Amino acid sequence: MAESQKEKPDAQRVAILRSLPLEVKKQITGEEAEAFMFNRELPESLLEKLKDYLIEE
């Protein structure tokens, strides 16, 4: 049954997306948002849009 359940997005990552300014959120595509929420490899296009909000480790 676990295999048939859909993967759930990371709640913290969803909260981060919601906290972004509206003008930034409008630029993010569904594919980019999905990659971010499900902790997948982020597209370069999304990294460019979020560059002012990311902290490099």
Protein backbone atom coordinates (compact mmCIF):
# COMPACT_ATOMS: atom_id res chain seq x y z
CA MET A 1 0.00 0.00 0.00
CA ALA A 2 2.87 2.41 0.74
CA GLU A 3 3.94 2.28 -2.91
CA SER A 4 0.53 3.42 -4.10
CA GLN A 5 0.43 6.41 -1.74
CA LYS A 6 1.58 9.67 -3.23
CA GLU A 7 4.76 11.21 -1.95
CA LYS A 8 4.04 14.13 0.36
CA PRO A 9 5.78 17.48 -0.06
CA ASP A 10 8.17 18.69 2.65
CA ALA A 11 6.06 20.96 4.89
CA GLN A 12 8.99 23.29 5.60
CA ARG A 13 9.71 23.72 1.91
CA VAL A 14 6.03 24.44 1.21
CA ALA A 15 6.12 27.11 3.93
CA ILE A 16 9.24 28.64 2.36
CA LEU A 17 7.55 28.90 -1.03
CA ARG A 18 4.49 30.48 0.55
CA SER A 19 6.63 33.06 2.34
CA LEU A 20 8.26 34.34 -0.85
CA PRO A 21 7.19 37.74 -2.19
CA LEU A 22 4.27 37.55 -4.63
CA GLU A 23 6.34 38.82 -7.56
CA VAL A 24 8.77 35.91 -7.06
CA LYS A 25 6.01 33.32 -6.63
CA LYS A 26 4.42 34.43 -9.90
CA GLN A 27 7.65 33.60 -11.76
CA ILE A 28 7.99 30.05 -10.40
CA THR A 29 6.60 27.32 -12.65
CA GLY A 30 4.74 24.29 -11.36
CA GLU A 31 7.68 22.06 -12.29
CA GLU A 32 10.09 24.27 -10.35
CA ALA A 33 7.81 24.39 -7.31
CA GLU A 34 7.38 20.62 -7.36
CA ALA A 35 11.15 20.06 -7.50
CA PHE A 36 11.60 22.38 -4.52
CA MET A 37 8.76 20.93 -2.41
CA PHE A 38 9.80 17.33 -3.00
CA ASN A 39 13.51 18.04 -2.38
CA ARG A 40 14.58 17.06 -5.90
CA GLU A 41 17.40 18.52 -7.94
CA LEU A 42 16.54 22.16 -8.52
CA PRO A 43 16.46 23.50 -12.07
CA GLU A 44 18.94 26.29 -12.83
CA SER A 45 15.98 28.52 -13.70
CA LEU A 46 14.63 28.19 -10.15
CA LEU A 47 18.03 28.77 -8.59
CA GLU A 48 18.29 32.00 -10.58
CA LYS A 49 14.86 33.15 -9.37
CA LEU A 50 15.71 32.35 -5.74
CA LYS A 51 19.32 33.57 -5.72
CA ASP A 52 18.48 36.52 -3.44
CA TYR A 53 16.83 34.17 -0.92
CA LEU A 54 19.31 31.27 -0.80
CA ILE A 55 22.20 30.88 1.60
CA GLU A 56 25.17 28.92 0.34
CA GLU A 57 26.57 26.31 2.70
